[in-house]
């Protein structure tokens, strides 16, 4: 629906997401230039076939993708626009509202900037964990500013399509509320569960099965990056955690009461858990959500 006419893309940040984007674009026949504050990381991404290092005399890219931690996006965007690195700019950070506010404060040009976030990732980090098919069939949120014209939005939607993903337009505040529930709070819940085993003895660890491994898989991740993400979306994540804590507190109370009412409360939680899990599974890999259409 959104054919890509891209020829040249620059990716600033060569971690797992930036390198995966670069690999997907290379697979689509698009030239990719790579940049990262760590030259060794760029070299690893090059070895993966993700592109070549960005050179000072490279011509402006059709799109510049900022794949750096959320708290750095506004500054990186401001510098990239000042250097004229591209015609259109986007980012892939997993928070949006605070980045938009920071970019406004920094004086960034929103007529060429489309905030974005691919709803895909891995618990592993670094370019060697990148995959060209990471975004295939996945939603990719685009949260244009009121000042952003339709042209740049369609250009970034073309990049999303070239990566195999499906662009979905929504407000930055809506994005942050949703990802708090589907990504950020679950990561903290998994971390809290896994933290209880940091000092576990060998007897307990010897009985660990796939259920616990599955429940704690996403607890693996760069703590510094995740602190950055969570702090950027603090209020929305806290609201989700408060709901989870309330559910678990009620379950603990029911377990200690050991009466009919307590059993009923536990059964209610488990039934709702079954229902919610079914809905989660039913939406994978395609997300059956109402999608806002891109403006003409």
C-alpha atoms as a PDB file:
ATOM      1  CA  UNK A   1       0.000   0.000   0.000  1.00  0.00           C
ATOM      2  CA  UNK A   2       2.924   2.313   0.679  1.00  0.00           C
ATOM      3  CA  UNK A   3       5.542   1.495  -1.991  1.00  0.00           C
ATOM      4  CA  UNK A   4       9.013   2.643  -1.080  1.00  0.00           C
ATOM      5  CA  UNK A   5      10.891   4.932  -3.452  1.00  0.00           C
ATOM      6  CA  UNK A   6      13.873   5.094  -1.138  1.00  0.00           C
ATOM      7  CA  UNK A   7      17.376   4.810  -2.534  1.00  0.00           C
ATOM      8  CA  UNK A   8      19.572   5.870   0.380  1.00  0.00           C
ATOM      9  CA  UNK A   9      18.978   5.618   4.149  1.00  0.00           C
ATOM     10  CA  UNK A  10      21.282   6.519   7.038  1.00  0.00           C
ATOM     11  CA  UNK A  11      20.866   4.667  10.343  1.00  0.00           C
ATOM     12  CA  UNK A  12      22.269   6.420  13.412  1.00  0.00           C
ATOM     13  CA  UNK A  13      22.773   3.768  16.058  1.00  0.00           C
ATOM     14  CA  UNK A  14      23.923   0.238  15.216  1.00  0.00           C
ATOM     15  CA  UNK A  15      22.386  -1.801  18.006  1.00  0.00           C
ATOM     16  CA  UNK A  16      19.980  -4.685  17.473  1.00  0.00           C
ATOM     17  CA  UNK A  17      17.109  -2.499  16.233  1.00  0.00           C
ATOM     18  CA  UNK A  18      19.180  -0.159  14.063  1.00  0.00           C
ATOM     19  CA  UNK A  19      21.085  -3.041  12.510  1.00  0.00           C
ATOM     20  CA  UNK A  20      17.897  -5.053  11.957  1.00  0.00           C
ATOM     21  CA  UNK A  21      16.391  -2.071  10.119  1.00  0.00           C
ATOM     22  CA  UNK A  22      19.550  -1.746   8.042  1.00  0.00           C
ATOM     23  CA  UNK A  23      19.508  -5.464   7.170  1.00  0.00           C
ATOM     24  CA  UNK A  24      15.848  -5.286   6.146  1.00  0.00           C
ATOM     25  CA  UNK A  25      16.502  -2.247   3.956  1.00  0.00           C
ATOM     26  CA  UNK A  26      19.555  -3.855   2.356  1.00  0.00           C
ATOM     27  CA  UNK A  27      17.429  -6.893   1.566  1.00  0.00           C
ATOM     28  CA  UNK A  28      15.019  -4.491  -0.188  1.00  0.00           C
ATOM     29  CA  UNK A  29      17.900  -3.149  -2.299  1.00  0.00           C
ATOM     30  CA  UNK A  30      18.305   0.162  -0.490  1.00  0.00           C
ATOM     31  CA  UNK A  31      21.740   1.632   0.189  1.00  0.00           C
ATOM     32  CA  UNK A  32      22.407   2.047   3.903  1.00  0.00           C
ATOM     33  CA  UNK A  33      24.991   4.144   5.729  1.00  0.00           C
ATOM     34  CA  UNK A  34      25.684   3.298   9.366  1.00  0.00           C
ATOM     35  CA  UNK A  35      26.774   5.443  12.277  1.00  0.00           C
ATOM     36  CA  UNK A  36      27.332   4.846  15.986  1.00  0.00           C
ATOM     37  CA  UNK A  37      29.358   6.504  18.710  1.00  0.00           C
ATOM     38  CA  UNK A  38      31.175   3.161  19.029  1.00  0.00           C
ATOM     39  CA  UNK A  39      33.155   2.448  15.869  1.00  0.00           C
ATOM     40  CA  UNK A  40      33.509  -1.234  16.778  1.00  0.00           C
ATOM     41  CA  UNK A  41      29.727  -1.584  16.752  1.00  0.00           C
ATOM     42  CA  UNK A  42      29.567  -0.110  13.240  1.00  0.00           C
ATOM     43  CA  UNK A  43      32.261  -2.554  12.132  1.00  0.00           C
ATOM     44  CA  UNK A  44      30.219  -5.469  13.488  1.00  0.00           C
ATOM     45  CA  UNK A  45      27.094  -4.207  11.696  1.00  0.00           C
ATOM     46  CA  UNK A  46      29.121  -3.968   8.485  1.00  0.00           C
ATOM     47  CA  UNK A  47      30.221  -7.584   8.952  1.00  0.00           C
ATOM     48  CA  UNK A  48      26.542  -8.502   9.199  1.00  0.00           C
ATOM     49  CA  UNK A  49      26.012  -6.957   5.767  1.00  0.00           C
ATOM     50  CA  UNK A  50      23.938  -4.086   7.139  1.00  0.00           C
ATOM     51  CA  UNK A  51      25.645  -1.354   5.113  1.00  0.00           C
ATOM     52  CA  UNK A  52      28.775   0.782   5.188  1.00  0.00           C
ATOM     53  CA  UNK A  53      29.997   3.393   7.616  1.00  0.00           C
ATOM     54  CA  UNK A  54      28.584   6.878   7.101  1.00  0.00           C
ATOM     55  CA  UNK A  55      31.243   9.139   5.561  1.00  0.00           C
ATOM     56  CA  UNK A  56      31.480  12.942   6.008  1.00  0.00           C
ATOM     57  CA  UNK A  57      31.049  13.533   2.266  1.00  0.00           C
ATOM     58  CA  UNK A  58      28.042  11.230   1.816  1.00  0.00           C
ATOM     59  CA  UNK A  59      25.090  12.941   0.113  1.00  0.00           C
ATOM     60  CA  UNK A  60      21.931  13.531   2.183  1.00  0.00           C
ATOM     61  CA  UNK A  61      19.862  10.403   2.715  1.00  0.00           C
ATOM     62  CA  UNK A  62      16.229  10.060   1.724  1.00  0.00           C
ATOM     63  CA  UNK A  63      15.533   9.120   5.340  1.00  0.00           C
ATOM     64  CA  UNK A  64      17.663   9.269   8.470  1.00  0.00           C
ATOM     65  CA  UNK A  65      16.671   6.686  11.104  1.00  0.00           C
ATOM     66  CA  UNK A  66      17.663   7.563  14.675  1.00  0.00           C
ATOM     67  CA  UNK A  67      18.100   4.294  16.591  1.00  0.00           C
ATOM     68  CA  UNK A  68      19.599   5.613  19.820  1.00  0.00           C
ATOM     69  CA  UNK A  69      18.315   5.444  23.438  1.00  0.00           C
ATOM     70  CA  UNK A  70      15.150   7.500  24.065  1.00  0.00           C
ATOM     71  CA  UNK A  71      16.801  10.197  26.178  1.00  0.00           C
ATOM     72  CA  UNK A  72      19.289  10.966  23.380  1.00  0.00           C
ATOM     73  CA  UNK A  73      16.889  11.147  20.421  1.00  0.00           C
ATOM     74  CA  UNK A  74      16.085  14.859  20.554  1.00  0.00           C
ATOM     75  CA  UNK A  75      19.749  15.872  20.701  1.00  0.00           C
ATOM     76  CA  UNK A  76      20.739  13.444  17.928  1.00  0.00           C
ATOM     77  CA  UNK A  77      17.841  14.679  15.789  1.00  0.00           C
ATOM     78  CA  UNK A  78      18.772  18.319  16.316  1.00  0.00           C
ATOM     79  CA  UNK A  79      22.393  17.671  15.330  1.00  0.00           C
ATOM     80  CA  UNK A  80      21.439  15.547  12.309  1.00  0.00           C
ATOM     81  CA  UNK A  81      19.068  18.226  11.022  1.00  0.00           C
ATOM     82  CA  UNK A  82      21.684  20.926  11.569  1.00  0.00           C
ATOM     83  CA  UNK A  83      24.171  18.885   9.525  1.00  0.00           C
ATOM     84  CA  UNK A  84      21.600  18.264   6.796  1.00  0.00           C
ATOM     85  CA  UNK A  85      22.070  14.500   6.920  1.00  0.00           C
ATOM     86  CA  UNK A  86      18.760  13.761   5.227  1.00  0.00           C
ATOM     87  CA  UNK A  87      15.517  14.954   3.696  1.00  0.00           C
ATOM     88  CA  UNK A  88      13.279  13.186   6.249  1.00  0.00           C
ATOM     89  CA  UNK A  89      13.990  11.982   9.781  1.00  0.00           C
ATOM     90  CA  UNK A  90      12.412   9.369  12.029  1.00  0.00           C
ATOM     91  CA  UNK A  91      13.305   7.561  15.247  1.00  0.00           C
ATOM     92  CA  UNK A  92      12.547   4.105  16.594  1.00  0.00           C
ATOM     93  CA  UNK A  93      12.558   4.698  20.355  1.00  0.00           C
ATOM     94  CA  UNK A  94       9.879   2.920  22.371  1.00  0.00           C
ATOM     95  CA  UNK A  95       8.539   6.118  23.971  1.00  0.00           C
ATOM     96  CA  UNK A  96       7.142   9.076  22.090  1.00  0.00           C
ATOM     97  CA  UNK A  97       5.468  11.901  24.071  1.00  0.00           C
ATOM     98  CA  UNK A  98       8.516  12.981  26.059  1.00  0.00           C
ATOM     99  CA  UNK A  99      10.767  12.723  22.998  1.00  0.00           C
ATOM    100  CA  UNK A 100       8.383  14.988  21.082  1.00  0.00           C
ATOM    101  CA  UNK A 101       8.397  17.473  23.969  1.00  0.00           C
ATOM    102  CA  UNK A 102      12.208  17.376  24.166  1.00  0.00           C
ATOM    103  CA  UNK A 103      12.461  17.862  20.388  1.00  0.00           C
ATOM    104  CA  UNK A 104      10.132  20.858  20.580  1.00  0.00           C
ATOM    105  CA  UNK A 105      12.264  22.357  23.346  1.00  0.00           C
ATOM    106  CA  UNK A 106      15.435  21.722  21.311  1.00  0.00           C
ATOM    107  CA  UNK A 107      13.980  23.549  18.317  1.00  0.00           C
ATOM    108  CA  UNK A 108      13.880  20.534  15.997  1.00  0.00           C
ATOM    109  CA  UNK A 109      12.164  20.867  12.633  1.00  0.00           C
ATOM    110  CA  UNK A 110       8.922  18.865  12.755  1.00  0.00           C
ATOM    111  CA  UNK A 111       8.169  19.473   9.084  1.00  0.00           C
ATOM    112  CA  UNK A 112      10.755  16.782   8.298  1.00  0.00           C
ATOM    113  CA  UNK A 113      10.487  14.574  11.411  1.00  0.00           C
ATOM    114  CA  UNK A 114       8.106  11.641  11.933  1.00  0.00           C
ATOM    115  CA  UNK A 115       8.394   9.999  15.383  1.00  0.00           C
ATOM    116  CA  UNK A 116       8.115   6.220  15.106  1.00  0.00           C
ATOM    117  CA  UNK A 117       8.426   2.926  16.939  1.00  0.00           C
ATOM    118  CA  UNK A 118       8.527  -0.605  15.471  1.00  0.00           C
ATOM    119  CA  UNK A 119       6.605  -2.986  17.704  1.00  0.00           C
ATOM    120  CA  UNK A 120       9.221  -5.701  17.533  1.00  0.00           C
ATOM    121  CA  UNK A 121      12.437  -6.419  19.343  1.00  0.00           C
ATOM    122  CA  UNK A 122      14.644  -9.014  20.972  1.00  0.00           C
ATOM    123  CA  UNK A 123      15.806  -9.571  24.522  1.00  0.00           C
ATOM    124  CA  UNK A 124      19.336  -9.779  23.092  1.00  0.00           C
ATOM    125  CA  UNK A 125      21.378  -6.684  22.271  1.00  0.00           C
ATOM    126  CA  UNK A 126      24.062  -5.610  19.812  1.00  0.00           C
ATOM    127  CA  UNK A 127      24.363  -5.864  16.031  1.00  0.00           C
ATOM    128  CA  UNK A 128      25.106  -9.602  16.042  1.00  0.00           C
ATOM    129  CA  UNK A 129      21.598 -10.180  17.471  1.00  0.00           C
ATOM    130  CA  UNK A 130      20.005  -8.338  14.516  1.00  0.00           C
ATOM    131  CA  UNK A 131      17.661 -10.049  12.054  1.00  0.00           C
ATOM    132  CA  UNK A 132      16.462  -8.838   8.667  1.00  0.00           C
ATOM    133  CA  UNK A 133      13.010 -10.350   9.270  1.00  0.00           C
ATOM    134  CA  UNK A 134      12.523  -8.882  12.757  1.00  0.00           C
ATOM    135  CA  UNK A 135       9.768  -6.520  11.615  1.00  0.00           C
ATOM    136  CA  UNK A 136       7.986  -8.759   9.117  1.00  0.00           C
ATOM    137  CA  UNK A 137       4.228  -8.525   9.650  1.00  0.00           C
ATOM    138  CA  UNK A 138       4.621  -6.416  12.794  1.00  0.00           C
ATOM    139  CA  UNK A 139       2.942  -3.066  13.518  1.00  0.00           C
ATOM    140  CA  UNK A 140       5.145   0.031  13.352  1.00  0.00           C
ATOM    141  CA  UNK A 141       3.720   3.043  15.143  1.00  0.00           C
ATOM    142  CA  UNK A 142       4.032   6.449  13.495  1.00  0.00           C
ATOM    143  CA  UNK A 143       3.160   9.459  15.651  1.00  0.00           C
ATOM    144  CA  UNK A 144       3.373  12.564  13.448  1.00  0.00           C
ATOM    145  CA  UNK A 145       3.413  16.022  15.004  1.00  0.00           C
ATOM    146  CA  UNK A 146       0.632  18.432  13.963  1.00  0.00           C
ATOM    147  CA  UNK A 147       3.283  20.362  12.005  1.00  0.00           C
ATOM    148  CA  UNK A 148       4.389  17.293  10.029  1.00  0.00           C
ATOM    149  CA  UNK A 149       3.115  17.332   6.405  1.00  0.00           C
ATOM    150  CA  UNK A 150       1.729  14.259   4.673  1.00  0.00           C
ATOM    151  CA  UNK A 151       4.796  13.897   2.419  1.00  0.00           C
ATOM    152  CA  UNK A 152       7.339  12.951   5.107  1.00  0.00           C
ATOM    153  CA  UNK A 153       4.759  10.691   6.750  1.00  0.00           C
ATOM    154  CA  UNK A 154       4.287   8.757   3.515  1.00  0.00           C
ATOM    155  CA  UNK A 155       8.057   8.596   3.008  1.00  0.00           C
ATOM    156  CA  UNK A 156       8.569   7.010   6.433  1.00  0.00           C
ATOM    157  CA  UNK A 157       5.596   4.704   5.826  1.00  0.00           C
ATOM    158  CA  UNK A 158       7.446   3.546   2.702  1.00  0.00           C
ATOM    159  CA  UNK A 159      10.501   2.763   4.814  1.00  0.00           C
ATOM    160  CA  UNK A 160       8.298   0.802   7.215  1.00  0.00           C
ATOM    161  CA  UNK A 161       6.837  -1.165   4.307  1.00  0.00           C
ATOM    162  CA  UNK A 162      10.340  -1.849   2.956  1.00  0.00           C
ATOM    163  CA  UNK A 163      11.159  -3.424   6.332  1.00  0.00           C
ATOM    164  CA  UNK A 164       8.129  -5.707   5.989  1.00  0.00           C
ATOM    165  CA  UNK A 165       6.142  -3.992   8.731  1.00  0.00           C
ATOM    166  CA  UNK A 166       2.700  -2.369   8.802  1.00  0.00           C
ATOM    167  CA  UNK A 167       2.526   1.384   9.549  1.00  0.00           C
ATOM    168  CA  UNK A 168      -0.048   2.413  12.133  1.00  0.00           C
ATOM    169  CA  UNK A 169      -0.696   6.082  12.857  1.00  0.00           C
ATOM    170  CA  UNK A 170      -1.645   7.147  16.374  1.00  0.00           C
ATOM    171  CA  UNK A 171      -1.090   9.976  18.830  1.00  0.00           C
ATOM    172  CA  UNK A 172       2.112   9.987  20.869  1.00  0.00           C
ATOM    173  CA  UNK A 173       0.193   9.918  24.155  1.00  0.00           C
ATOM    174  CA  UNK A 174      -1.900   6.950  22.995  1.00  0.00           C
ATOM    175  CA  UNK A 175       1.254   5.133  21.894  1.00  0.00           C
ATOM    176  CA  UNK A 176       2.883   5.567  25.300  1.00  0.00           C
ATOM    177  CA  UNK A 177      -0.206   4.380  27.168  1.00  0.00           C
ATOM    178  CA  UNK A 178      -0.436   1.267  24.980  1.00  0.00           C
ATOM    179  CA  UNK A 179       3.243   0.305  25.081  1.00  0.00           C
ATOM    180  CA  UNK A 180       3.242   0.729  28.861  1.00  0.00           C
ATOM    181  CA  UNK A 181       0.709  -2.106  28.969  1.00  0.00           C
ATOM    182  CA  UNK A 182       2.047  -4.366  26.224  1.00  0.00           C
ATOM    183  CA  UNK A 183       5.812  -3.926  26.683  1.00  0.00           C
ATOM    184  CA  UNK A 184       7.184  -1.750  29.448  1.00  0.00           C
ATOM    185  CA  UNK A 185       5.230  -2.997  32.482  1.00  0.00           C
ATOM    186  CA  UNK A 186       5.540  -6.670  31.397  1.00  0.00           C
ATOM    187  CA  UNK A 187       9.316  -6.225  31.339  1.00  0.00           C
ATOM    188  CA  UNK A 188       9.306  -5.002  34.944  1.00  0.00           C
ATOM    189  CA  UNK A 189       6.940  -7.774  36.034  1.00  0.00           C
ATOM    190  CA  UNK A 190       9.227 -10.369  34.446  1.00  0.00           C
ATOM    191  CA  UNK A 191      12.238  -8.723  36.101  1.00  0.00           C
ATOM    192  CA  UNK A 192      10.539  -8.809  39.509  1.00  0.00           C
ATOM    193  CA  UNK A 193       9.750 -12.502  39.105  1.00  0.00           C
ATOM    194  CA  UNK A 194      13.258 -13.330  37.891  1.00  0.00           C
ATOM    195  CA  UNK A 195      14.905 -11.254  40.643  1.00  0.00           C
ATOM    196  CA  UNK A 196      13.570 -13.709  43.208  1.00  0.00           C
ATOM    197  CA  UNK A 197      15.921 -16.328  41.745  1.00  0.00           C
ATOM    198  CA  UNK A 198      19.084 -14.196  41.791  1.00  0.00           C
ATOM    199  CA  UNK A 199      20.130 -15.874  45.043  1.00  0.00           C
ATOM    200  CA  UNK A 200      18.304 -19.167  44.578  1.00  0.00           C
ATOM    201  CA  UNK A 201      19.980 -22.363  45.749  1.00  0.00           C
ATOM    202  CA  UNK A 202      20.824 -25.267  43.480  1.00  0.00           C
ATOM    203  CA  UNK A 203      17.880 -27.350  44.669  1.00  0.00           C
ATOM    204  CA  UNK A 204      15.397 -24.715  43.568  1.00  0.00           C
ATOM    205  CA  UNK A 205      17.185 -24.086  40.273  1.00  0.00           C
ATOM    206  CA  UNK A 206      17.297 -27.801  39.506  1.00  0.00           C
ATOM    207  CA  UNK A 207      13.494 -27.838  39.241  1.00  0.00           C
ATOM    208  CA  UNK A 208      13.144 -24.837  36.921  1.00  0.00           C
ATOM    209  CA  UNK A 209      11.024 -25.667  33.879  1.00  0.00           C
ATOM    210  CA  UNK A 210       9.930 -24.036  30.645  1.00  0.00           C
ATOM    211  CA  UNK A 211       7.054 -22.186  32.302  1.00  0.00           C
ATOM    212  CA  UNK A 212       9.362 -20.060  34.446  1.00  0.00           C
ATOM    213  CA  UNK A 213      11.794 -19.616  31.566  1.00  0.00           C
ATOM    214  CA  UNK A 214       8.984 -18.359  29.323  1.00  0.00           C
ATOM    215  CA  UNK A 215       7.596 -16.043  32.012  1.00  0.00           C
ATOM    216  CA  UNK A 216      10.992 -14.438  32.656  1.00  0.00           C
ATOM    217  CA  UNK A 217      12.470 -14.438  29.132  1.00  0.00           C
ATOM    218  CA  UNK A 218      12.012 -10.704  28.574  1.00  0.00           C
ATOM    219  CA  UNK A 219      13.772  -9.894  31.851  1.00  0.00           C
ATOM    220  CA  UNK A 220      16.975 -10.343  29.865  1.00  0.00           C
ATOM    221  CA  UNK A 221      17.949  -6.930  28.541  1.00  0.00           C
ATOM    222  CA  UNK A 222      20.323  -4.020  28.979  1.00  0.00           C
ATOM    223  CA  UNK A 223      19.448  -2.528  32.408  1.00  0.00           C
ATOM    224  CA  UNK A 224      20.754   0.929  31.461  1.00  0.00           C
ATOM    225  CA  UNK A 225      18.649   1.068  28.305  1.00  0.00           C
ATOM    226  CA  UNK A 226      15.570  -0.200  30.107  1.00  0.00           C
ATOM    227  CA  UNK A 227      15.963   2.356  32.899  1.00  0.00           C
ATOM    228  CA  UNK A 228      16.044   5.030  30.199  1.00  0.00           C
ATOM    229  CA  UNK A 229      12.909   3.631  28.537  1.00  0.00           C
ATOM    230  CA  UNK A 230      10.971   3.265  31.796  1.00  0.00           C
ATOM    231  CA  UNK A 231      11.874   6.734  33.045  1.00  0.00           C
ATOM    232  CA  UNK A 232      10.684   8.207  29.735  1.00  0.00           C
ATOM    233  CA  UNK A 233       7.257   6.582  30.192  1.00  0.00           C
ATOM    234  CA  UNK A 234       7.110   6.585  33.977  1.00  0.00           C
ATOM    235  CA  UNK A 235       3.506   7.611  34.693  1.00  0.00           C
ATOM    236  CA  UNK A 236       1.922   5.228  32.192  1.00  0.00           C
ATOM    237  CA  UNK A 237       4.062   2.302  33.361  1.00  0.00           C
ATOM    238  CA  UNK A 238       3.337   3.045  37.027  1.00  0.00           C
ATOM    239  CA  UNK A 239      -0.409   3.004  36.321  1.00  0.00           C
ATOM    240  CA  UNK A 240      -0.191  -0.459  34.754  1.00  0.00           C
ATOM    241  CA  UNK A 241       1.969  -1.774  37.597  1.00  0.00           C
ATOM    242  CA  UNK A 242      -0.526  -0.486  40.164  1.00  0.00           C
ATOM    243  CA  UNK A 243      -3.235  -2.555  38.477  1.00  0.00           C
ATOM    244  CA  UNK A 244      -1.033  -5.674  38.480  1.00  0.00           C
ATOM    245  CA  UNK A 245      -0.079  -5.121  42.122  1.00  0.00           C
ATOM    246  CA  UNK A 246      -3.761  -4.785  43.035  1.00  0.00           C
ATOM    247  CA  UNK A 247      -4.581  -8.083  41.293  1.00  0.00           C
ATOM    248  CA  UNK A 248      -1.702  -9.885  43.004  1.00  0.00           C
ATOM    249  CA  UNK A 249      -2.515  -8.375  46.416  1.00  0.00           C
ATOM    250  CA  UNK A 250      -6.091  -9.597  46.109  1.00  0.00           C
ATOM    251  CA  UNK A 251      -4.784 -13.038  45.134  1.00  0.00           C
ATOM    252  CA  UNK A 252      -2.468 -13.114  48.153  1.00  0.00           C
ATOM    253  CA  UNK A 253      -5.337 -12.118  50.436  1.00  0.00           C
ATOM    254  CA  UNK A 254      -7.520 -14.843  48.930  1.00  0.00           C
ATOM    255  CA  UNK A 255      -4.815 -17.445  49.473  1.00  0.00           C
ATOM    256  CA  UNK A 256      -4.444 -16.490  53.120  1.00  0.00           C
ATOM    257  CA  UNK A 257      -8.171 -16.468  53.782  1.00  0.00           C
ATOM    258  CA  UNK A 258      -8.616 -20.096  52.648  1.00  0.00           C
ATOM    259  CA  UNK A 259     -12.413 -19.773  52.476  1.00  0.00           C
ATOM    260  CA  UNK A 260     -15.048 -19.996  49.770  1.00  0.00           C
ATOM    261  CA  UNK A 261     -14.823 -16.293  48.950  1.00  0.00           C
ATOM    262  CA  UNK A 262     -11.071 -16.559  48.556  1.00  0.00           C
ATOM    263  CA  UNK A 263     -11.379 -19.537  46.233  1.00  0.00           C
ATOM    264  CA  UNK A 264     -13.886 -17.590  44.161  1.00  0.00           C
ATOM    265  CA  UNK A 265     -11.514 -14.629  43.845  1.00  0.00           C
ATOM    266  CA  UNK A 266      -8.685 -16.897  42.724  1.00  0.00           C
ATOM    267  CA  UNK A 267     -10.915 -18.636  40.191  1.00  0.00           C
ATOM    268  CA  UNK A 268     -12.062 -15.272  38.846  1.00  0.00           C
ATOM    269  CA  UNK A 269      -8.470 -14.118  38.319  1.00  0.00           C
ATOM    270  CA  UNK A 270      -7.499 -17.385  36.642  1.00  0.00           C
ATOM    271  CA  UNK A 271     -10.541 -17.330  34.349  1.00  0.00           C
ATOM    272  CA  UNK A 272      -9.843 -13.728  33.353  1.00  0.00           C
ATOM    273  CA  UNK A 273      -6.222 -14.724  32.842  1.00  0.00           C
ATOM    274  CA  UNK A 274      -7.286 -17.507  30.468  1.00  0.00           C
ATOM    275  CA  UNK A 275      -9.499 -15.074  28.600  1.00  0.00           C
ATOM    276  CA  UNK A 276      -6.803 -12.435  28.315  1.00  0.00           C
ATOM    277  CA  UNK A 277      -4.189 -14.951  27.220  1.00  0.00           C
ATOM    278  CA  UNK A 278      -6.530 -16.226  24.497  1.00  0.00           C
ATOM    279  CA  UNK A 279      -6.984 -12.703  23.174  1.00  0.00           C
ATOM    280  CA  UNK A 280      -3.231 -12.098  23.199  1.00  0.00           C
ATOM    281  CA  UNK A 281      -2.556 -15.313  21.278  1.00  0.00           C
ATOM    282  CA  UNK A 282      -5.387 -14.655  18.827  1.00  0.00           C
ATOM    283  CA  UNK A 283      -3.775 -11.371  17.760  1.00  0.00           C
ATOM    284  CA  UNK A 284      -0.396 -12.914  16.915  1.00  0.00           C
ATOM    285  CA  UNK A 285       1.221 -12.517  14.431  1.00  0.00           C
ATOM    286  CA  UNK A 286      -1.297 -10.088  12.942  1.00  0.00           C
ATOM    287  CA  UNK A 287      -2.689  -7.378  15.196  1.00  0.00           C
ATOM    288  CA  UNK A 288      -6.453  -7.142  14.779  1.00  0.00           C
ATOM    289  CA  UNK A 289      -6.744  -3.543  15.859  1.00  0.00           C
ATOM    290  CA  UNK A 290      -8.434  -0.639  14.170  1.00  0.00           C
ATOM    291  CA  UNK A 291      -5.754   1.165  12.213  1.00  0.00           C
ATOM    292  CA  UNK A 292      -5.827   4.855  11.439  1.00  0.00           C
ATOM    293  CA  UNK A 293      -5.255   5.519   7.766  1.00  0.00           C
ATOM    294  CA  UNK A 294      -2.508   7.773   6.525  1.00  0.00           C
ATOM    295  CA  UNK A 295      -3.654  11.157   5.212  1.00  0.00           C
ATOM    296  CA  UNK A 296      -3.875  11.556   1.464  1.00  0.00           C
END
